[in-house]
């Protein structure tokens, strides 16, 4: 089930699925693999915020790895839209997630893509979305 009222979620749907047959796009399967165990369930990792004092310790990759292992077991694919946003103790206290206003060619976006590729995520050409097969063997924590 995709929330089509949420533009970010719908953008992920459009990047992954063929609108005519409602299967994963062939171009997506070529990138992430076409394992017979695939289901059409998708784990969307919407936002990940690391407080500034904990950044630079590769915690983001470790948290993503844990989320994929915990929640991705019954999915065919994991998808995310890497986008920088400001996450601070103040936003945490207000219990609100800031939105990300991403400009094309933002160096911070490319840095996040490079960062997530270390986990095995692949860029979907022509989209800002990255995807990973749920049957992909994630690198061990020691490699992150």
N, C-alpha and C. Protein backbone atom coordinates (compact mmCIF):
# COMPACT_ATOMS: atom_id res chain seq x y z
N UNK A 1 0.86 -1.17 0.00
CA UNK A 1 0.00 0.00 0.00
C UNK A 1 0.90 1.22 0.00
N UNK A 2 0.67 2.08 -0.94
CA UNK A 2 1.41 3.33 -1.00
C UNK A 2 0.45 4.47 -0.69
N UNK A 3 0.92 5.44 0.04
CA UNK A 3 0.14 6.62 0.33
C UNK A 3 0.30 7.58 -0.84
N UNK A 4 -0.65 7.58 -1.74
CA UNK A 4 -0.54 8.39 -2.94
C UNK A 4 -0.78 9.87 -2.66
N UNK A 5 -1.21 10.20 -1.46
CA UNK A 5 -1.36 11.60 -1.10
C UNK A 5 -0.05 12.21 -0.66
N UNK A 6 0.92 11.37 -0.38
CA UNK A 6 2.24 11.84 0.03
C UNK A 6 3.14 11.88 -1.21
N UNK A 7 3.54 13.06 -1.65
CA UNK A 7 4.32 13.15 -2.89
C UNK A 7 5.63 12.36 -2.84
N UNK A 8 6.27 12.28 -1.69
CA UNK A 8 7.53 11.53 -1.60
C UNK A 8 7.30 10.04 -1.78
N UNK A 9 6.26 9.52 -1.17
CA UNK A 9 5.96 8.10 -1.30
C UNK A 9 5.54 7.78 -2.73
N UNK A 10 4.74 8.63 -3.32
CA UNK A 10 4.30 8.40 -4.69
C UNK A 10 5.48 8.44 -5.66
N UNK A 11 6.45 9.30 -5.39
CA UNK A 11 7.65 9.37 -6.22
C UNK A 11 8.41 8.05 -6.18
N UNK A 12 8.44 7.41 -5.03
CA UNK A 12 9.09 6.10 -4.92
C UNK A 12 8.31 5.06 -5.71
N UNK A 13 6.99 5.10 -5.60
CA UNK A 13 6.16 4.17 -6.37
C UNK A 13 6.45 4.32 -7.87
N UNK A 14 6.45 5.55 -8.35
CA UNK A 14 6.69 5.79 -9.78
C UNK A 14 8.07 5.33 -10.22
N UNK A 15 9.05 5.43 -9.34
CA UNK A 15 10.41 5.01 -9.69
C UNK A 15 10.54 3.49 -9.74
N UNK A 16 9.77 2.77 -8.93
CA UNK A 16 9.91 1.32 -8.82
C UNK A 16 8.98 0.51 -9.71
N UNK A 17 7.75 0.97 -9.88
CA UNK A 17 6.73 0.14 -10.50
C UNK A 17 6.32 0.61 -11.89
N UNK A 18 6.05 -0.38 -12.74
CA UNK A 18 5.51 -0.13 -14.07
C UNK A 18 4.02 0.14 -13.89
N UNK A 19 3.56 1.30 -14.33
CA UNK A 19 2.16 1.68 -14.10
C UNK A 19 1.17 0.80 -14.87
N UNK A 20 1.64 0.15 -15.94
CA UNK A 20 0.73 -0.66 -16.74
C UNK A 20 0.49 -2.04 -16.15
N UNK A 21 1.56 -2.71 -15.69
CA UNK A 21 1.36 -4.06 -15.16
C UNK A 21 1.55 -4.16 -13.65
N UNK A 22 1.91 -3.07 -13.01
CA UNK A 22 2.05 -2.98 -11.56
C UNK A 22 3.12 -3.91 -10.98
N UNK A 23 4.05 -4.32 -11.80
CA UNK A 23 5.20 -5.09 -11.35
C UNK A 23 6.38 -4.14 -11.25
N UNK A 24 7.44 -4.62 -10.60
CA UNK A 24 8.65 -3.81 -10.59
C UNK A 24 9.08 -3.56 -12.04
N UNK A 25 9.58 -2.38 -12.30
CA UNK A 25 10.08 -2.07 -13.64
C UNK A 25 11.27 -2.96 -13.96
N UNK A 26 11.38 -3.36 -15.21
CA UNK A 26 12.51 -4.17 -15.65
C UNK A 26 13.82 -3.45 -15.37
N UNK A 27 13.85 -2.14 -15.58
CA UNK A 27 15.08 -1.38 -15.34
C UNK A 27 15.50 -1.44 -13.87
N UNK A 28 14.53 -1.50 -12.97
CA UNK A 28 14.81 -1.60 -11.54
C UNK A 28 15.38 -2.99 -11.24
N UNK A 29 14.75 -4.03 -11.79
CA UNK A 29 15.20 -5.39 -11.55
C UNK A 29 16.60 -5.63 -12.12
N UNK A 30 16.93 -4.98 -13.21
CA UNK A 30 18.28 -5.10 -13.78
C UNK A 30 19.32 -4.53 -12.83
N UNK A 31 18.95 -3.52 -12.09
CA UNK A 31 19.90 -2.87 -11.19
C UNK A 31 20.02 -3.62 -9.86
N UNK A 32 18.89 -3.97 -9.27
CA UNK A 32 18.94 -4.59 -7.93
C UNK A 32 18.88 -6.10 -7.97
N UNK A 33 18.63 -6.67 -9.14
CA UNK A 33 18.56 -8.12 -9.26
C UNK A 33 17.13 -8.60 -9.32
N UNK A 34 16.95 -9.77 -9.85
CA UNK A 34 15.61 -10.33 -9.99
C UNK A 34 15.59 -11.71 -9.34
N UNK A 35 15.54 -11.72 -8.05
CA UNK A 35 15.53 -12.96 -7.30
C UNK A 35 14.13 -13.56 -7.30
N UNK A 36 14.00 -14.88 -7.46
CA UNK A 36 12.67 -15.50 -7.45
C UNK A 36 11.92 -15.30 -6.13
N UNK A 37 12.63 -14.96 -5.08
CA UNK A 37 11.99 -14.76 -3.78
C UNK A 37 11.34 -13.38 -3.65
N UNK A 38 11.49 -12.56 -4.68
CA UNK A 38 10.94 -11.20 -4.63
C UNK A 38 9.43 -11.20 -4.37
N UNK A 39 9.02 -10.29 -3.54
CA UNK A 39 7.61 -9.98 -3.40
C UNK A 39 7.47 -8.52 -3.81
N UNK A 40 6.27 -8.07 -3.97
CA UNK A 40 6.08 -6.67 -4.33
C UNK A 40 6.00 -5.77 -3.10
N UNK A 41 6.24 -6.32 -1.95
CA UNK A 41 6.28 -5.50 -0.75
C UNK A 41 7.57 -4.68 -0.77
N UNK A 42 7.43 -3.42 -0.38
CA UNK A 42 8.57 -2.50 -0.38
C UNK A 42 8.70 -1.89 1.01
N UNK A 43 9.90 -1.92 1.53
CA UNK A 43 10.21 -1.21 2.76
C UNK A 43 10.73 0.16 2.36
N UNK A 44 10.01 1.20 2.75
CA UNK A 44 10.45 2.56 2.44
C UNK A 44 11.09 3.13 3.69
N UNK A 45 12.34 3.49 3.56
CA UNK A 45 13.05 4.14 4.66
C UNK A 45 12.94 5.64 4.39
N UNK A 46 12.02 6.25 5.11
CA UNK A 46 11.62 7.62 4.81
C UNK A 46 12.60 8.66 5.33
N UNK A 47 12.95 8.58 6.58
CA UNK A 47 13.86 9.57 7.15
C UNK A 47 14.73 8.91 8.20
N UNK A 48 15.95 9.37 8.25
CA UNK A 48 16.87 8.93 9.27
C UNK A 48 17.60 10.17 9.76
N UNK A 49 17.49 10.42 11.04
CA UNK A 49 18.16 11.58 11.61
C UNK A 49 19.16 11.17 12.67
N UNK A 50 20.36 11.66 12.51
CA UNK A 50 21.41 11.44 13.51
C UNK A 50 21.74 12.81 14.10
N UNK A 51 21.67 12.90 15.41
CA UNK A 51 21.98 14.17 16.06
C UNK A 51 23.41 14.59 15.73
N UNK A 52 23.65 15.88 15.59
CA UNK A 52 24.97 16.36 15.16
C UNK A 52 26.15 15.81 15.95
N UNK A 53 26.00 15.66 17.24
CA UNK A 53 27.13 15.19 18.05
C UNK A 53 27.50 13.73 17.79
N UNK A 54 26.62 12.99 17.09
CA UNK A 54 26.90 11.58 16.81
C UNK A 54 27.22 11.32 15.33
N UNK A 55 27.23 12.37 14.53
CA UNK A 55 27.53 12.20 13.11
C UNK A 55 29.02 11.95 12.91
N UNK A 56 29.33 11.38 11.76
CA UNK A 56 30.74 11.11 11.43
C UNK A 56 31.27 9.82 12.03
N UNK A 57 30.39 9.04 12.64
CA UNK A 57 30.81 7.77 13.25
C UNK A 57 30.23 6.57 12.50
N UNK A 58 29.65 6.82 11.33
CA UNK A 58 29.07 5.79 10.47
C UNK A 58 27.85 5.11 11.11
N UNK A 59 27.23 5.81 12.03
CA UNK A 59 26.04 5.26 12.70
C UNK A 59 24.86 5.16 11.75
N UNK A 60 24.77 6.07 10.79
CA UNK A 60 23.66 6.04 9.85
C UNK A 60 23.60 4.73 9.08
N UNK A 61 24.75 4.26 8.59
CA UNK A 61 24.79 2.99 7.87
C UNK A 61 24.43 1.82 8.78
N UNK A 62 24.90 1.89 10.00
CA UNK A 62 24.61 0.80 10.94
C UNK A 62 23.12 0.77 11.29
N UNK A 63 22.52 1.95 11.46
CA UNK A 63 21.09 2.02 11.76
C UNK A 63 20.29 1.53 10.56
N UNK A 64 20.65 1.96 9.36
CA UNK A 64 19.95 1.50 8.16
C UNK A 64 20.06 -0.01 8.01
N UNK A 65 21.24 -0.54 8.24
CA UNK A 65 21.44 -1.99 8.15
C UNK A 65 20.51 -2.71 9.12
N UNK A 66 20.43 -2.21 10.33
CA UNK A 66 19.57 -2.82 11.35
C UNK A 66 18.09 -2.73 10.95
N UNK A 67 17.68 -1.59 10.43
CA UNK A 67 16.29 -1.43 10.00
C UNK A 67 15.95 -2.39 8.86
N UNK A 68 16.86 -2.53 7.91
CA UNK A 68 16.64 -3.43 6.78
C UNK A 68 16.54 -4.87 7.27
N UNK A 69 17.43 -5.26 8.16
CA UNK A 69 17.38 -6.63 8.69
C UNK A 69 16.12 -6.88 9.49
N UNK A 70 15.70 -5.88 10.26
CA UNK A 70 14.54 -6.07 11.13
C UNK A 70 13.22 -6.02 10.37
N UNK A 71 13.08 -5.09 9.42
CA UNK A 71 11.79 -4.87 8.79
C UNK A 71 11.74 -5.29 7.32
N UNK A 72 12.85 -5.68 6.74
CA UNK A 72 12.88 -5.99 5.32
C UNK A 72 12.71 -7.44 4.97
N UNK A 73 12.56 -8.31 5.94
CA UNK A 73 12.55 -9.75 5.67
C UNK A 73 11.38 -10.21 4.81
N UNK A 74 10.28 -9.54 4.84
CA UNK A 74 9.12 -9.96 4.04
C UNK A 74 8.86 -9.01 2.88
N UNK A 75 9.90 -8.32 2.47
CA UNK A 75 9.77 -7.39 1.36
C UNK A 75 10.65 -7.85 0.21
N UNK A 76 10.36 -7.33 -0.97
CA UNK A 76 11.20 -7.63 -2.12
C UNK A 76 12.28 -6.58 -2.30
N UNK A 77 12.00 -5.40 -1.81
CA UNK A 77 12.92 -4.31 -2.07
C UNK A 77 12.86 -3.28 -0.94
N UNK A 78 13.98 -2.61 -0.77
CA UNK A 78 14.09 -1.49 0.14
C UNK A 78 14.32 -0.27 -0.72
N UNK A 79 13.62 0.81 -0.44
CA UNK A 79 13.77 2.03 -1.23
C UNK A 79 13.93 3.23 -0.32
N UNK A 80 14.71 4.19 -0.77
CA UNK A 80 14.88 5.42 -0.02
C UNK A 80 15.19 6.56 -0.97
N UNK A 81 14.89 7.74 -0.51
CA UNK A 81 15.16 8.96 -1.27
C UNK A 81 16.14 9.79 -0.44
N UNK A 82 17.44 9.60 -0.68
CA UNK A 82 18.42 10.32 0.14
C UNK A 82 18.29 11.83 -0.02
N UNK A 83 18.06 12.48 1.08
CA UNK A 83 17.92 13.93 1.07
C UNK A 83 18.36 14.48 2.41
N UNK A 84 19.21 15.47 2.39
CA UNK A 84 19.64 16.05 3.67
C UNK A 84 18.51 16.88 4.28
N UNK A 85 18.44 16.85 5.58
CA UNK A 85 17.54 17.72 6.31
C UNK A 85 18.18 18.00 7.65
N UNK A 86 17.72 19.05 8.26
CA UNK A 86 18.32 19.46 9.53
C UNK A 86 17.58 18.73 10.66
N UNK A 87 18.35 17.94 11.40
CA UNK A 87 17.79 17.20 12.52
C UNK A 87 18.60 17.57 13.74
N UNK A 88 17.96 18.18 14.70
CA UNK A 88 18.64 18.64 15.91
C UNK A 88 17.84 18.20 17.13
N UNK A 89 18.40 18.43 18.27
CA UNK A 89 17.71 18.11 19.51
C UNK A 89 16.42 18.93 19.62
N UNK A 90 16.39 20.15 19.04
CA UNK A 90 15.19 20.97 19.08
C UNK A 90 14.05 20.33 18.27
N UNK A 91 14.37 19.80 17.08
CA UNK A 91 13.32 19.14 16.30
C UNK A 91 12.85 17.88 17.00
N UNK A 92 13.75 17.20 17.67
CA UNK A 92 13.39 16.00 18.41
C UNK A 92 12.45 16.36 19.57
N UNK A 93 12.75 17.43 20.28
CA UNK A 93 11.92 17.85 21.40
C UNK A 93 10.53 18.30 20.93
N UNK A 94 10.47 18.91 19.75
CA UNK A 94 9.18 19.34 19.20
C UNK A 94 8.41 18.18 18.59
N UNK A 95 9.06 17.03 18.50
CA UNK A 95 8.48 15.82 17.91
C UNK A 95 7.97 16.09 16.49
N UNK A 96 8.80 16.77 15.72
CA UNK A 96 8.45 17.00 14.33
C UNK A 96 9.66 16.70 13.46
N UNK A 97 9.40 16.10 12.32
CA UNK A 97 10.45 15.80 11.36
C UNK A 97 10.49 16.93 10.35
N UNK A 98 11.62 17.56 10.18
CA UNK A 98 11.68 18.63 9.19
C UNK A 98 11.62 18.05 7.78
N UNK A 99 11.07 18.83 6.87
CA UNK A 99 11.07 18.39 5.48
C UNK A 99 12.39 18.79 4.85
N UNK A 100 12.68 18.17 3.75
CA UNK A 100 13.92 18.46 3.06
C UNK A 100 13.60 19.17 1.75
N UNK A 101 14.12 20.33 1.58
CA UNK A 101 13.99 21.05 0.32
C UNK A 101 15.29 20.86 -0.43
N UNK A 102 15.28 19.87 -1.30
CA UNK A 102 16.50 19.48 -1.99
C UNK A 102 16.55 20.14 -3.36
N UNK A 103 17.68 20.74 -3.65
CA UNK A 103 17.90 21.31 -4.97
C UNK A 103 18.66 20.29 -5.81
N UNK A 104 18.36 20.29 -7.11
CA UNK A 104 19.11 19.40 -7.99
C UNK A 104 20.59 19.74 -7.92
N UNK A 105 21.40 18.73 -8.06
CA UNK A 105 22.86 18.86 -8.06
C UNK A 105 23.41 19.36 -6.72
N UNK A 106 22.68 19.18 -5.65
CA UNK A 106 23.16 19.55 -4.32
C UNK A 106 24.27 18.58 -3.93
N UNK A 107 25.47 19.06 -3.61
CA UNK A 107 26.56 18.16 -3.23
C UNK A 107 26.23 17.27 -2.03
N UNK A 108 25.38 17.75 -1.14
CA UNK A 108 25.01 16.95 0.02
C UNK A 108 24.20 15.72 -0.40
N UNK A 109 23.40 15.85 -1.45
CA UNK A 109 22.63 14.72 -1.96
C UNK A 109 23.57 13.68 -2.54
N UNK A 110 24.52 14.11 -3.35
CA UNK A 110 25.48 13.17 -3.94
C UNK A 110 26.29 12.49 -2.84
N UNK A 111 26.64 13.22 -1.80
CA UNK A 111 27.39 12.62 -0.69
C UNK A 111 26.57 11.52 -0.02
N UNK A 112 25.27 11.74 0.13
CA UNK A 112 24.41 10.70 0.72
C UNK A 112 24.31 9.49 -0.20
N UNK A 113 24.25 9.72 -1.50
CA UNK A 113 24.22 8.59 -2.44
C UNK A 113 25.50 7.76 -2.32
N UNK A 114 26.62 8.42 -2.26
CA UNK A 114 27.91 7.72 -2.10
C UNK A 114 27.90 6.94 -0.79
N UNK A 115 27.42 7.56 0.26
CA UNK A 115 27.36 6.95 1.59
C UNK A 115 26.50 5.69 1.57
N UNK A 116 25.29 5.76 0.98
CA UNK A 116 24.37 4.63 0.97
C UNK A 116 24.81 3.53 0.01
N UNK A 117 25.60 3.85 -0.99
CA UNK A 117 26.14 2.80 -1.87
C UNK A 117 27.02 1.84 -1.10
N UNK A 118 27.61 2.29 -0.01
CA UNK A 118 28.45 1.42 0.82
C UNK A 118 27.63 0.29 1.45
N UNK A 119 26.34 0.51 1.58
CA UNK A 119 25.45 -0.50 2.14
C UNK A 119 24.95 -1.45 1.05
N UNK A 120 25.11 -1.04 -0.21
CA UNK A 120 24.65 -1.85 -1.34
C UNK A 120 23.51 -1.22 -2.10
N UNK A 121 23.06 -0.05 -1.68
CA UNK A 121 21.98 0.63 -2.39
C UNK A 121 22.46 1.07 -3.76
N UNK A 122 21.54 1.01 -4.74
CA UNK A 122 21.87 1.39 -6.10
C UNK A 122 20.98 2.55 -6.54
N UNK A 123 21.57 3.43 -7.34
CA UNK A 123 20.82 4.56 -7.89
C UNK A 123 19.89 4.06 -8.98
N UNK A 124 18.66 4.55 -9.01
CA UNK A 124 17.74 4.25 -10.09
C UNK A 124 17.82 5.40 -11.08
N UNK A 125 18.37 5.15 -12.27
CA UNK A 125 18.61 6.21 -13.24
C UNK A 125 17.36 7.04 -13.54
N UNK A 126 17.58 8.33 -13.65
CA UNK A 126 16.49 9.25 -13.96
C UNK A 126 15.61 9.59 -12.78
N UNK A 127 15.98 9.09 -11.59
CA UNK A 127 15.20 9.38 -10.38
C UNK A 127 16.17 9.70 -9.24
N UNK A 128 15.68 10.32 -8.19
CA UNK A 128 16.53 10.54 -7.02
C UNK A 128 16.51 9.36 -6.05
N UNK A 129 15.82 8.28 -6.43
CA UNK A 129 15.58 7.14 -5.55
C UNK A 129 16.73 6.15 -5.61
N UNK A 130 17.00 5.52 -4.47
CA UNK A 130 17.95 4.42 -4.38
C UNK A 130 17.18 3.19 -3.92
N UNK A 131 17.64 2.02 -4.36
CA UNK A 131 16.94 0.79 -4.00
C UNK A 131 17.95 -0.31 -3.71
N UNK A 132 17.48 -1.30 -3.01
CA UNK A 132 18.29 -2.44 -2.60
C UNK A 132 17.37 -3.65 -2.54
N UNK A 133 17.80 -4.75 -3.12
CA UNK A 133 17.03 -5.98 -3.01
C UNK A 133 17.06 -6.44 -1.57
N UNK A 134 15.92 -6.89 -1.07
CA UNK A 134 15.86 -7.37 0.31
C UNK A 134 16.62 -8.67 0.51
N UNK A 135 16.94 -9.38 -0.57
CA UNK A 135 17.69 -10.63 -0.44
C UNK A 135 19.19 -10.39 -0.58
N UNK A 136 19.57 -9.13 -0.77
CA UNK A 136 20.98 -8.78 -0.87
C UNK A 136 21.67 -9.05 0.46
N UNK A 137 22.85 -9.59 0.41
CA UNK A 137 23.62 -9.81 1.64
C UNK A 137 24.24 -8.49 2.07
N UNK A 138 23.75 -7.97 3.15
CA UNK A 138 24.27 -6.70 3.65
C UNK A 138 25.69 -6.90 4.18
N UNK A 139 26.51 -5.86 4.01
CA UNK A 139 27.87 -5.99 4.55
C UNK A 139 27.83 -6.09 6.08
N UNK A 140 28.79 -6.80 6.65
CA UNK A 140 28.83 -6.89 8.11
C UNK A 140 29.09 -5.51 8.73
N UNK A 141 28.65 -5.36 9.95
CA UNK A 141 28.82 -4.08 10.65
C UNK A 141 30.30 -3.68 10.67
N UNK A 142 31.19 -4.63 10.80
CA UNK A 142 32.62 -4.32 10.85
C UNK A 142 33.12 -3.66 9.57
N UNK A 143 32.42 -3.86 8.45
CA UNK A 143 32.83 -3.25 7.17
C UNK A 143 32.23 -1.86 6.99
N UNK A 144 31.29 -1.53 7.84
CA UNK A 144 30.66 -0.21 7.74
C UNK A 144 31.44 0.75 8.60
